[in-house]
N, C-alpha and C. Protein backbone atom coordinates (compact mmCIF):
# COMPACT_ATOMS: atom_id res chain seq x y z
N UNK A 1 108.23 100.58 62.73
CA UNK A 1 108.52 101.05 64.08
C UNK A 1 108.49 99.85 65.03
N UNK A 2 109.49 99.74 65.89
CA UNK A 2 109.58 98.61 66.82
C UNK A 2 108.58 98.78 67.95
N UNK A 3 108.00 97.65 68.37
CA UNK A 3 107.08 97.69 69.50
C UNK A 3 107.85 97.86 70.79
N UNK A 4 107.29 98.64 71.67
CA UNK A 4 107.91 98.85 72.98
C UNK A 4 107.55 97.66 73.86
N UNK A 5 108.57 97.09 74.50
CA UNK A 5 108.34 95.94 75.38
C UNK A 5 107.59 96.38 76.63
N UNK A 6 106.64 95.57 77.03
CA UNK A 6 105.91 95.84 78.26
C UNK A 6 106.74 95.36 79.44
N UNK A 7 106.99 96.24 80.42
CA UNK A 7 107.79 95.79 81.56
C UNK A 7 107.04 94.70 82.32
N UNK A 8 107.78 93.76 82.88
CA UNK A 8 107.11 92.70 83.63
C UNK A 8 106.42 93.29 84.86
N UNK A 9 105.28 92.71 85.21
CA UNK A 9 104.55 93.17 86.39
C UNK A 9 105.34 92.80 87.64
N UNK A 10 105.32 93.68 88.61
CA UNK A 10 105.99 93.38 89.88
C UNK A 10 105.00 92.69 90.80
N UNK A 11 105.56 91.99 91.78
CA UNK A 11 104.73 91.14 92.64
C UNK A 11 105.02 91.39 94.11
N UNK A 12 104.19 90.76 94.94
CA UNK A 12 104.41 90.79 96.38
C UNK A 12 104.10 89.40 96.93
N UNK A 13 104.55 89.16 98.16
CA UNK A 13 104.23 87.92 98.86
C UNK A 13 104.20 88.20 100.36
N UNK A 14 103.47 87.38 101.07
CA UNK A 14 103.51 87.37 102.53
C UNK A 14 103.92 85.96 102.92
N UNK A 15 104.95 85.87 103.77
CA UNK A 15 105.42 84.58 104.24
C UNK A 15 105.28 84.51 105.76
N UNK A 16 104.90 83.33 106.24
CA UNK A 16 104.96 83.05 107.67
C UNK A 16 106.38 82.59 107.95
N UNK A 17 107.09 83.28 108.84
CA UNK A 17 108.47 82.93 109.17
C UNK A 17 108.49 82.34 110.57
N UNK A 18 108.60 81.02 110.62
CA UNK A 18 108.70 80.30 111.89
C UNK A 18 110.17 80.22 112.26
N UNK A 19 110.53 80.76 113.40
CA UNK A 19 111.92 80.77 113.83
C UNK A 19 112.18 79.63 114.81
N UNK A 20 113.44 79.24 114.96
CA UNK A 20 113.76 78.19 115.94
C UNK A 20 113.25 78.55 117.35
N UNK A 21 113.30 79.83 117.69
CA UNK A 21 112.72 80.32 118.94
C UNK A 21 111.33 80.84 118.58
N UNK A 22 110.31 80.03 118.76
CA UNK A 22 108.98 80.37 118.26
C UNK A 22 108.47 81.72 118.77
N UNK A 23 109.07 82.27 119.82
CA UNK A 23 108.66 83.58 120.31
C UNK A 23 108.96 84.67 119.28
N UNK A 24 109.88 84.42 118.35
CA UNK A 24 110.24 85.40 117.34
C UNK A 24 109.52 85.18 116.01
N UNK A 25 108.61 84.22 115.92
CA UNK A 25 107.91 83.96 114.66
C UNK A 25 107.07 85.17 114.27
N UNK A 26 106.97 85.41 112.95
CA UNK A 26 106.30 86.59 112.44
C UNK A 26 105.96 86.37 110.96
N UNK A 27 105.47 87.40 110.32
CA UNK A 27 105.20 87.39 108.89
C UNK A 27 106.13 88.39 108.21
N UNK A 28 106.55 88.07 106.99
CA UNK A 28 107.33 88.99 106.17
C UNK A 28 106.46 89.44 105.00
N UNK A 29 106.29 90.76 104.87
CA UNK A 29 105.63 91.36 103.72
C UNK A 29 106.73 91.76 102.77
N UNK A 30 106.75 91.16 101.58
CA UNK A 30 107.81 91.35 100.58
C UNK A 30 107.19 91.98 99.33
N UNK A 31 107.68 93.14 98.90
CA UNK A 31 107.15 93.79 97.71
C UNK A 31 108.31 94.10 96.77
N UNK A 32 108.17 93.66 95.53
CA UNK A 32 109.23 93.76 94.54
C UNK A 32 109.46 95.21 94.09
N UNK A 33 110.76 95.58 94.03
CA UNK A 33 111.15 96.89 93.51
C UNK A 33 112.61 96.84 93.08
N UNK A 34 112.86 97.17 91.83
CA UNK A 34 114.23 97.28 91.30
C UNK A 34 115.06 96.03 91.55
N UNK A 35 114.46 94.86 91.37
CA UNK A 35 115.21 93.61 91.47
C UNK A 35 115.43 93.08 92.87
N UNK A 36 114.86 93.71 93.88
CA UNK A 36 114.93 93.22 95.26
C UNK A 36 113.52 93.25 95.86
N UNK A 37 113.41 92.73 97.07
CA UNK A 37 112.13 92.73 97.77
C UNK A 37 112.22 93.67 98.96
N UNK A 38 111.50 94.78 98.90
CA UNK A 38 111.38 95.67 100.04
C UNK A 38 110.60 94.88 101.09
N UNK A 39 111.13 94.77 102.32
CA UNK A 39 110.61 93.82 103.28
C UNK A 39 110.25 94.47 104.62
N UNK A 40 109.08 94.06 105.12
CA UNK A 40 108.60 94.51 106.42
C UNK A 40 108.26 93.29 107.27
N UNK A 41 108.64 93.33 108.52
CA UNK A 41 108.26 92.31 109.50
C UNK A 41 106.92 92.75 110.10
N UNK A 42 105.94 91.84 110.04
CA UNK A 42 104.59 92.11 110.53
C UNK A 42 104.26 91.04 111.56
N UNK A 43 103.80 91.45 112.73
CA UNK A 43 103.51 90.48 113.78
C UNK A 43 102.18 89.76 113.57
N UNK A 44 101.18 90.44 112.98
CA UNK A 44 99.83 89.88 112.90
C UNK A 44 99.28 90.04 111.48
N UNK A 45 99.20 88.95 110.74
CA UNK A 45 98.70 89.00 109.37
C UNK A 45 97.25 89.45 109.31
N UNK A 46 96.42 88.97 110.25
CA UNK A 46 95.02 89.37 110.24
C UNK A 46 94.87 90.88 110.44
N UNK A 47 95.68 91.47 111.34
CA UNK A 47 95.62 92.91 111.56
C UNK A 47 95.96 93.66 110.28
N UNK A 48 96.94 93.18 109.53
CA UNK A 48 97.30 93.81 108.26
C UNK A 48 96.18 93.65 107.25
N UNK A 49 95.67 92.44 107.11
CA UNK A 49 94.63 92.16 106.12
C UNK A 49 93.34 92.93 106.40
N UNK A 50 93.04 93.19 107.66
CA UNK A 50 91.79 93.84 108.05
C UNK A 50 91.95 95.33 108.33
N UNK A 51 93.12 95.89 108.07
CA UNK A 51 93.37 97.30 108.35
C UNK A 51 92.41 98.16 107.53
N UNK A 52 91.66 99.01 108.21
CA UNK A 52 90.70 99.89 107.54
C UNK A 52 91.40 101.19 107.14
N UNK A 53 90.83 101.88 106.17
CA UNK A 53 91.39 103.13 105.70
C UNK A 53 91.58 104.09 106.88
N UNK A 54 92.78 104.66 106.97
CA UNK A 54 93.12 105.59 108.04
C UNK A 54 93.72 104.92 109.27
N UNK A 55 93.61 103.60 109.38
CA UNK A 55 94.19 102.89 110.52
C UNK A 55 95.67 102.63 110.26
N UNK A 56 96.42 102.48 111.36
CA UNK A 56 97.87 102.28 111.28
C UNK A 56 98.26 100.99 111.99
N UNK A 57 99.36 100.42 111.54
CA UNK A 57 99.89 99.20 112.12
C UNK A 57 101.41 99.34 112.25
N UNK A 58 101.92 99.08 113.45
CA UNK A 58 103.37 99.12 113.67
C UNK A 58 104.01 97.91 113.00
N UNK A 59 105.07 98.15 112.24
CA UNK A 59 105.82 97.10 111.56
C UNK A 59 107.30 97.41 111.73
N UNK A 60 108.14 96.52 111.26
CA UNK A 60 109.58 96.77 111.27
C UNK A 60 110.10 96.65 109.85
N UNK A 61 110.78 97.69 109.38
CA UNK A 61 111.43 97.64 108.07
C UNK A 61 112.72 96.88 108.26
N UNK A 62 112.85 95.75 107.56
CA UNK A 62 114.06 94.95 107.67
C UNK A 62 114.79 94.97 106.33
N UNK A 63 115.96 94.39 106.30
CA UNK A 63 116.79 94.42 105.09
C UNK A 63 116.05 93.85 103.89
N UNK A 64 116.30 94.44 102.73
CA UNK A 64 115.73 93.91 101.49
C UNK A 64 116.12 92.45 101.34
N UNK A 65 115.20 91.67 100.77
CA UNK A 65 115.44 90.25 100.52
C UNK A 65 115.69 90.03 99.03
N UNK A 66 116.35 88.92 98.73
CA UNK A 66 116.59 88.56 97.33
C UNK A 66 115.27 88.16 96.68
N UNK A 67 115.18 88.41 95.39
CA UNK A 67 113.96 88.19 94.62
C UNK A 67 113.50 86.72 94.67
N UNK A 68 114.40 85.78 94.87
CA UNK A 68 114.02 84.37 94.90
C UNK A 68 113.04 84.06 96.03
N UNK A 69 112.98 84.92 97.05
CA UNK A 69 112.08 84.66 98.17
C UNK A 69 110.60 84.88 97.82
N UNK A 70 110.30 85.47 96.67
CA UNK A 70 108.90 85.64 96.27
C UNK A 70 108.18 84.30 96.18
N UNK A 71 108.86 83.28 95.74
CA UNK A 71 108.24 81.97 95.54
C UNK A 71 108.78 80.91 96.49
N UNK A 72 109.61 81.30 97.42
CA UNK A 72 110.32 80.33 98.26
C UNK A 72 109.47 79.86 99.44
N UNK A 73 109.51 78.56 99.68
CA UNK A 73 108.97 77.95 100.89
C UNK A 73 109.97 76.91 101.35
N UNK A 74 110.17 76.80 102.67
CA UNK A 74 111.06 75.78 103.18
C UNK A 74 112.01 76.31 104.22
N UNK A 75 113.05 75.53 104.48
CA UNK A 75 114.04 75.88 105.49
C UNK A 75 114.98 76.97 104.99
N UNK A 76 115.31 77.88 105.88
CA UNK A 76 116.25 78.96 105.57
C UNK A 76 117.62 78.54 106.08
N UNK A 77 118.64 78.79 105.27
CA UNK A 77 120.00 78.40 105.67
C UNK A 77 120.39 79.05 106.98
N UNK A 78 121.38 78.47 107.64
CA UNK A 78 121.89 79.04 108.88
C UNK A 78 120.98 78.83 110.08
N UNK A 79 120.11 77.84 110.01
CA UNK A 79 119.19 77.53 111.11
C UNK A 79 118.37 78.76 111.53
N UNK A 80 117.85 79.47 110.50
CA UNK A 80 117.04 80.67 110.77
C UNK A 80 115.55 80.39 110.68
N UNK A 81 115.18 79.10 110.60
CA UNK A 81 113.76 78.75 110.60
C UNK A 81 113.26 78.34 109.24
N UNK A 82 111.93 78.39 109.09
CA UNK A 82 111.28 78.02 107.84
C UNK A 82 110.27 79.09 107.46
N UNK A 83 109.98 79.17 106.16
CA UNK A 83 108.96 80.11 105.69
C UNK A 83 107.92 79.36 104.86
N UNK A 84 106.69 79.84 104.97
CA UNK A 84 105.56 79.30 104.22
C UNK A 84 104.81 80.46 103.60
N UNK A 85 104.52 80.38 102.32
CA UNK A 85 103.76 81.43 101.64
C UNK A 85 102.33 81.46 102.17
N UNK A 86 101.84 82.66 102.50
CA UNK A 86 100.47 82.84 102.98
C UNK A 86 99.62 83.66 102.04
N UNK A 87 100.27 84.48 101.19
CA UNK A 87 99.53 85.30 100.23
C UNK A 87 100.53 85.78 99.19
N UNK A 88 100.04 86.08 98.00
CA UNK A 88 100.89 86.66 96.96
C UNK A 88 100.02 87.15 95.81
N UNK A 89 100.64 87.95 94.96
CA UNK A 89 99.93 88.52 93.82
C UNK A 89 100.69 89.71 93.28
N UNK A 90 100.02 90.51 92.45
CA UNK A 90 100.66 91.73 91.95
C UNK A 90 100.91 92.71 93.09
N UNK A 91 102.01 93.42 93.00
CA UNK A 91 102.33 94.42 94.02
C UNK A 91 103.37 95.39 93.50
N UNK A 92 103.36 96.57 94.06
CA UNK A 92 104.35 97.57 93.64
C UNK A 92 104.70 98.49 94.80
N UNK A 93 105.88 99.07 94.69
CA UNK A 93 106.37 100.06 95.66
C UNK A 93 106.60 101.35 94.91
N UNK A 94 106.08 102.44 95.44
CA UNK A 94 106.32 103.75 94.86
C UNK A 94 106.90 104.67 95.93
N UNK A 95 108.16 105.08 95.76
CA UNK A 95 108.76 106.00 96.73
C UNK A 95 108.08 107.36 96.66
N UNK A 96 107.98 108.02 97.81
CA UNK A 96 107.43 109.36 97.90
C UNK A 96 108.57 110.32 98.26
N UNK A 97 108.41 111.56 97.96
CA UNK A 97 109.45 112.55 98.18
C UNK A 97 109.82 112.76 99.64
N UNK A 98 108.95 112.36 100.55
CA UNK A 98 109.22 112.58 101.98
C UNK A 98 109.91 111.40 102.66
N UNK A 99 110.36 110.41 101.88
CA UNK A 99 111.02 109.24 102.46
C UNK A 99 110.08 108.08 102.75
N UNK A 100 108.79 108.30 102.61
CA UNK A 100 107.84 107.21 102.81
C UNK A 100 107.66 106.45 101.50
N UNK A 101 106.96 105.34 101.58
CA UNK A 101 106.71 104.48 100.42
C UNK A 101 105.22 104.20 100.31
N UNK A 102 104.70 104.17 99.11
CA UNK A 102 103.34 103.68 98.88
C UNK A 102 103.46 102.26 98.37
N UNK A 103 102.74 101.35 99.00
CA UNK A 103 102.71 99.94 98.62
C UNK A 103 101.31 99.63 98.11
N UNK A 104 101.22 99.05 96.93
CA UNK A 104 99.93 98.57 96.40
C UNK A 104 100.05 97.08 96.21
N UNK A 105 99.15 96.34 96.84
CA UNK A 105 99.18 94.88 96.75
C UNK A 105 97.78 94.35 96.46
N UNK A 106 97.72 93.23 95.76
CA UNK A 106 96.43 92.64 95.40
C UNK A 106 96.51 91.13 95.55
N UNK A 107 96.46 90.68 96.79
CA UNK A 107 96.46 89.25 97.07
C UNK A 107 95.08 88.76 97.45
N UNK A 108 95.00 87.52 97.86
CA UNK A 108 93.73 86.97 98.32
C UNK A 108 93.37 87.47 99.71
N UNK A 109 94.37 87.65 100.57
CA UNK A 109 94.13 88.11 101.95
C UNK A 109 94.46 89.58 102.15
N UNK A 110 95.59 90.00 101.61
CA UNK A 110 96.04 91.38 101.79
C UNK A 110 95.86 92.09 100.46
N UNK A 111 95.09 93.18 100.51
CA UNK A 111 94.74 93.88 99.27
C UNK A 111 94.55 95.36 99.60
N UNK A 112 95.13 96.23 98.78
CA UNK A 112 94.91 97.65 98.96
C UNK A 112 96.19 98.45 98.85
N UNK A 113 96.09 99.71 99.25
CA UNK A 113 97.21 100.65 99.21
C UNK A 113 97.57 101.03 100.63
N UNK A 114 98.86 100.99 100.92
CA UNK A 114 99.38 101.29 102.25
C UNK A 114 100.51 102.30 102.12
N UNK A 115 100.55 103.25 103.03
CA UNK A 115 101.68 104.16 103.11
C UNK A 115 102.58 103.67 104.23
N UNK A 116 103.85 103.47 103.92
CA UNK A 116 104.84 103.02 104.90
C UNK A 116 105.78 104.18 105.18
N UNK A 117 105.99 104.45 106.48
CA UNK A 117 106.85 105.56 106.87
C UNK A 117 107.56 105.22 108.16
N UNK A 118 108.76 105.78 108.36
CA UNK A 118 109.44 105.57 109.64
C UNK A 118 108.53 106.02 110.79
N UNK A 119 108.60 105.30 111.91
CA UNK A 119 107.72 105.58 113.04
C UNK A 119 108.00 106.93 113.69
N UNK A 120 109.24 107.39 113.62
CA UNK A 120 109.60 108.67 114.22
C UNK A 120 110.25 109.55 113.15
N UNK A 121 109.93 110.84 113.12
CA UNK A 121 110.50 111.72 112.08
C UNK A 121 112.02 111.68 112.01
N UNK A 122 112.69 111.58 113.15
CA UNK A 122 114.16 111.56 113.13
C UNK A 122 114.70 110.26 112.53
N UNK A 123 113.83 109.27 112.33
CA UNK A 123 114.25 107.99 111.78
C UNK A 123 114.32 108.00 110.26
N UNK A 124 113.94 109.11 109.61
CA UNK A 124 113.93 109.15 108.15
C UNK A 124 115.28 108.80 107.55
N UNK A 125 116.36 109.16 108.23
CA UNK A 125 117.69 108.88 107.71
C UNK A 125 118.06 107.41 107.87
N UNK A 126 117.40 106.70 108.78
CA UNK A 126 117.69 105.28 109.01
C UNK A 126 116.62 104.46 108.30
N UNK A 127 116.97 103.77 107.22
CA UNK A 127 115.96 103.06 106.45
C UNK A 127 115.37 101.83 107.14
N UNK A 128 116.08 101.28 108.13
CA UNK A 128 115.58 100.07 108.80
C UNK A 128 115.14 100.41 110.21
N UNK A 129 114.28 99.58 110.77
CA UNK A 129 113.82 99.79 112.13
C UNK A 129 112.31 99.97 112.18
N UNK A 130 111.80 100.61 113.23
CA UNK A 130 110.35 100.75 113.39
C UNK A 130 109.74 101.65 112.32
N UNK A 131 108.73 101.13 111.66
CA UNK A 131 107.95 101.88 110.67
C UNK A 131 106.48 101.71 111.01
N UNK A 132 105.65 102.45 110.30
CA UNK A 132 104.19 102.36 110.45
C UNK A 132 103.59 102.18 109.06
N UNK A 133 102.65 101.23 108.94
CA UNK A 133 101.87 101.09 107.71
C UNK A 133 100.50 101.71 107.97
N UNK A 134 100.06 102.58 107.08
CA UNK A 134 98.73 103.17 107.17
C UNK A 134 97.95 102.82 105.92
N UNK A 135 96.73 102.35 106.10
CA UNK A 135 95.87 102.04 104.95
C UNK A 135 95.37 103.36 104.40
N UNK A 136 95.64 103.61 103.12
CA UNK A 136 95.23 104.85 102.48
C UNK A 136 94.29 104.53 101.32
N UNK A 137 93.55 105.53 100.83
CA UNK A 137 92.63 105.26 99.72
C UNK A 137 93.39 104.74 98.50
N UNK A 138 92.76 103.84 97.80
CA UNK A 138 93.33 103.36 96.54
C UNK A 138 93.24 104.48 95.51
N UNK A 139 94.27 104.63 94.67
CA UNK A 139 94.20 105.67 93.64
C UNK A 139 93.11 105.33 92.62
N UNK A 140 92.59 106.34 91.96
CA UNK A 140 91.56 106.07 90.95
C UNK A 140 92.12 105.21 89.82
N UNK A 141 91.29 104.38 89.26
CA UNK A 141 91.73 103.47 88.18
C UNK A 141 92.01 104.19 86.90
């Protein structure tokens, strides 16, 4: 009987994105799913890292990024600034039936389970834009 291959573990990263207009600088939370990186713009890394269970943080769901950005640091083409890795490790995205996503990440700074959902119920049909991350209990091991 042939051995079943173990699927590769999925990962996440947090990058500091310094833009040419420093007023727009932010962090990108990137979590691997189906060959792309589900991506959220986060204004304050410390607020994300210190989010307590039940607390919420406003974020922006932005376009999925290419998988190469998991390990990328440096200048972004088109004069869009530079990125520096701030955290990374195992991570996963699990879609929920209501249009929200569960994110599990295990980095040095950002660790835990977060529920990501559109900020307004009518926004469920629009995958990008204002979302909310809520720290939820970690599932049992």
